[in-house]
Amino acid sequence: QVQLVESGGDLVQPGGSLRLSCAASGFTFSRFTMRWYRQAPGKEREMVAGMLLIGGRRDYRESVKGRFTISRDNVKNMLYLQMNDLKPEDTGVHYCNAVYGSLGYWGQGTQVTVSS
């Protein structure tokens, strides 16, 4: 059974930091391109950061460059997103996504709220 389980979301003040985690199981994690998405209330889901393989290319949404870092551990089957200098516009449900060819999986999401 394929599972992506996100954790680490919280309420944080502007300028604060959070580390999101995504635990993957039920598929060959190392073969999949992994991404983080987020969705704010009333808005479409948008890609935040993506990573192909260990040491591979990382892609970031322009607004998070220099503040967020995506990483993965192919031994532990984990995906991470280190988020620093958080801003109110980073608020939203953050989702873990796995893609390999025509296969695609989503987690249930974890809420990040940036507010003073």
Protein backbone atom coordinates (compact mmCIF):
# COMPACT_ATOMS: atom_id res chain seq x y z
CA GLN A 1 0.00 0.00 0.00
CA VAL A 2 1.45 3.33 -1.09
CA GLN A 3 1.66 5.95 1.64
CA LEU A 4 3.05 9.45 1.88
CA VAL A 5 2.68 10.89 5.37
CA GLU A 6 3.62 14.50 5.98
CA SER A 7 4.42 15.99 9.37
CA GLY A 8 6.00 19.05 10.91
CA GLY A 9 3.43 21.71 10.09
CA ASP A 10 2.66 24.25 12.79
CA LEU A 11 1.75 27.83 13.61
CA VAL A 12 4.88 29.99 13.47
CA GLN A 13 5.61 33.70 13.58
CA PRO A 14 7.01 35.54 10.55
CA GLY A 15 10.76 35.01 10.34
CA GLY A 16 10.51 31.64 12.01
CA SER A 17 11.53 28.21 10.74
CA LEU A 18 9.93 24.82 10.27
CA ARG A 19 11.11 21.49 8.97
CA LEU A 20 8.55 19.38 7.15
CA SER A 21 8.99 15.64 6.76
CA CYS A 22 7.36 13.14 4.43
CA ALA A 23 7.58 9.43 5.16
CA ALA A 24 7.18 7.26 2.06
CA SER A 25 6.31 3.58 1.87
CA GLY A 26 4.88 1.03 -0.55
CA PHE A 27 6.94 2.04 -3.60
CA THR A 28 10.58 2.33 -4.74
CA PHE A 29 11.24 5.76 -3.31
CA SER A 30 14.68 6.23 -4.89
CA ARG A 31 13.24 6.07 -8.42
CA PHE A 32 10.72 8.82 -7.91
CA THR A 33 10.98 12.54 -8.42
CA MET A 34 9.81 14.09 -5.17
CA ARG A 35 8.24 17.49 -4.76
CA TRP A 36 6.59 19.66 -2.16
CA TYR A 37 3.45 21.57 -3.06
CA ARG A 38 1.29 23.93 -1.06
CA GLN A 39 -2.25 25.20 -1.29
CA ALA A 40 -3.51 28.35 0.36
CA PRO A 41 -7.23 28.86 1.03
CA GLY A 42 -9.03 29.82 -2.15
CA LYS A 43 -5.94 29.32 -4.30
CA GLU A 44 -4.64 26.61 -6.59
CA ARG A 45 -2.05 24.12 -5.47
CA GLU A 46 1.46 25.28 -6.42
CA MET A 47 4.85 23.62 -6.57
CA VAL A 48 7.25 24.79 -3.87
CA ALA A 49 10.34 22.63 -4.36
CA GLY A 50 11.38 19.51 -6.26
CA MET A 51 14.25 17.05 -6.23
CA LEU A 52 15.05 14.18 -8.60
CA LEU A 53 17.69 12.06 -6.86
CA ILE A 54 20.32 12.32 -4.16
CA GLY A 55 22.77 14.92 -5.46
CA GLY A 56 20.41 15.69 -8.29
CA ARG A 57 18.92 18.92 -9.44
CA ARG A 58 16.72 20.87 -7.09
CA ASP A 59 14.03 23.24 -8.31
CA TYR A 60 12.40 25.95 -6.24
CA ARG A 61 9.56 28.33 -6.64
CA GLU A 62 11.04 31.80 -7.13
CA SER A 63 9.46 33.18 -3.95
CA VAL A 64 11.13 30.56 -1.73
CA LYS A 65 14.63 30.54 -3.24
CA GLY A 66 17.28 31.19 -0.60
CA ARG A 67 14.83 30.42 2.22
CA PHE A 68 13.74 26.80 1.62
CA THR A 69 15.86 23.68 1.12
CA ILE A 70 14.54 20.36 -0.11
CA SER A 71 16.39 17.15 0.71
CA ARG A 72 15.79 13.43 0.67
CA ASP A 73 17.13 10.27 2.31
CA ASN A 74 16.78 7.30 0.00
CA VAL A 75 17.77 4.88 2.78
CA LYS A 76 15.09 6.05 5.19
CA ASN A 77 12.59 6.83 2.39
CA MET A 78 12.14 10.35 3.68
CA LEU A 79 11.64 13.72 2.04
CA TYR A 80 12.28 16.97 3.90
CA LEU A 81 11.66 20.66 3.45
CA GLN A 82 13.60 23.07 5.63
CA MET A 83 11.78 26.39 5.64
CA ASN A 84 13.52 29.47 7.03
CA ASP A 85 12.51 33.11 7.25
CA LEU A 86 8.87 32.16 6.86
CA LYS A 87 6.43 34.75 5.58
CA PRO A 88 2.63 34.97 5.89
CA GLU A 89 2.35 34.12 2.18
CA ASP A 90 3.91 30.72 2.93
CA THR A 91 0.73 29.76 4.78
CA GLY A 92 -1.11 26.76 3.41
CA VAL A 93 -1.46 23.01 3.44
CA HIS A 94 1.83 21.52 2.31
CA TYR A 95 1.75 18.27 0.36
CA CYS A 96 4.35 15.67 -0.52
CA ASN A 97 4.24 14.40 -4.12
CA ALA A 98 5.96 11.44 -5.79
CA VAL A 99 6.14 10.96 -9.57
CA TYR A 100 7.68 8.26 -11.77
CA GLY A 101 6.49 8.06 -15.34
CA SER A 102 2.72 7.72 -15.25
CA LEU A 103 2.69 6.95 -11.52
CA GLY A 104 1.89 9.74 -9.12
CA TYR A 105 1.11 9.80 -5.41
CA TRP A 106 0.05 12.47 -2.91
CA GLY A 107 0.10 12.70 0.84
CA GLN A 108 -2.72 14.09 2.96
CA GLY A 109 -0.89 17.33 3.72
CA THR A 110 0.31 19.21 6.78
CA GLN A 111 -0.83 22.72 7.72
CA VAL A 112 1.68 25.55 7.89
CA THR A 113 0.42 28.84 9.27
CA VAL A 114 2.66 31.90 9.42
CA SER A 115 1.10 34.62 11.50
CA SER A 116 1.93 37.01 14.29
